């Protein structure tokens, strides 16, 4: 009776045996390949959890010291020394700490990035549409992007990140919070967002270079909570590299950070034939001397802007790459003093110093003399010969004309005149060997044309305090421009109390050009406005540009392909990392 079912019965028994064998084999295989737990590594592709998730809480750093020392760390192919400590590997806070900023730039990406000239270009955004009134920016997001835990990137991530930047509590961490509160952000679709500005701002795309955060991992977390969140030491980004492990000393202090090429990134088409450096090791040191000694011992292969240029040139088996840092050291005047509101007086002061010779004598090899308030390498940069036209005789003549005008004004009862000639004033400067020495040299050349100048070296905190209070006659300050020629915050009269126009410089043509340039939608028109600004700045001697610091990066010969483009921020040195490789390997 069962003869007809004999074959079916045998097939059923065989299937059961095969199923049991497969189950046993799977269990043993999982046990063999399961990786040891790491406290701070971002989840890998095989650890994806469907639906919303939160970042796992790592154990305290002091408990990680033993588990984070692994042979893999020592096999890293790219080894760089950084001076400082790790605080928060989070783009919302990274600007507070140079080490965080460097490492975070490799883990996270923004809607825009910058090209080798420092100009903003699309990154996580696919396309941009700007409204006719220049107030609305509609961005279509890329749909081929996933976070390093495998979850798809989308508009919710943009909305969440912008909610943090506009959170009132963010003002405690960044002055940009005031700006972000004036920007409305709206989700139009899963991959479509709209920004609405309070007024036109041509440089807005540069604001969108800030790295974005994964909403699914931080959902509902405000800025106050994010500042202490475990995510800061176990970040999940959308960049080419992800955190693999942290190395800690017995004291709990993080001494090294190891990044690895993200498996999720490798799956994308853009990663093909690029990023041959699969591991990046960053060793942390307390000071520049320790980092230099570590390089000499062979612990690291790269140092960026650490130590003097002379120190770096003395290191063996390496090449030195140099670019102009996006900073200008500039001598400003306090326009609240009538003498400095006088154009002839300011021109006399500019002509009375041999800027090129002074910079060469005090900063040989460390800086390039400045000939514009903007930075060489910017497309709008334009040099002006006036800043190198040392002419003491003409300076004396201008000072005499100022004094004569003042005398005539006093005789006619016009006490104001063109501004009383201030022949006795002080020059405020940070108390450092290079800057204070430069200030004393400038004062000596001004004394040679009849001025009595006292140099006032102060500590950095005191310098900031006095600048903000307007408590100075003249001062040497540092203006960091990044990659953006919008210098409104430095030279517009509206920025005297809230911005960095510490000397209350107020010149109508300058103000009009800066207003128009930041609203201009036409790139060529904006370019021309900034060139006119530089011409007017020199003609009216608004301030005296002194020098541009140089950015130097020493790279051992074992690494090829390094090229420095425009350095708006220190992390821009990694802009071309996709082409870096070990010496002797194919490009």
Foldseek 3Di string as FASTA:
>chain_A
DCPVCVVVVVVVVVVVVVVVVVVVVVVVVCVVPVDDDAQFAAAAQVPADPDFDADDFGDALLVRQVVQDDVVLVVFPAEEEDADAAQFLALLQQVVDQVSVQVNVQQFWFQWDADLLQHTDGDQFDDWDADPQQFKIKTFGDQLFDKLNGHTDWDVQVVVQLQQLCPPVSVVRDVCNVQSVQWDKDDPDRGMIMIGHPHHFQCVSVVRRGGTADCSHQPPQHNVRVSPDSCRRRPIHRHQKTWDHFHADNVSTTFKTKIAGRPSVCPDPVLPLWQQRGMYMYGYDNALVVSLVCVQVVVHFKYWQRDAPVSLVPRPQWDKAKDFEQKFWWKAFQVVALQLVFLLLLLLLQLLDQLQVLCCVQPNPFWAWDQFNGDPSAPLDDGDCSNRNNDLVSSLVSLVVQCVQCVVCVVVVNNSGSGHNQQEFEEEEAPDRRTQVSVVNSQVSSVVSPGHYHYDHDHPVVVVVCLLVLNGGMYTDMDQDQSDLLPCLCAALVNCNPGNVSSSHHDVLLNVLSVCLRNDPDPVVNSVSSNVNRVVCSSSSNIRTRITGMIMMMGRPQKDDQHRGHPSDSSSSCVRSRRMDTPPDDD
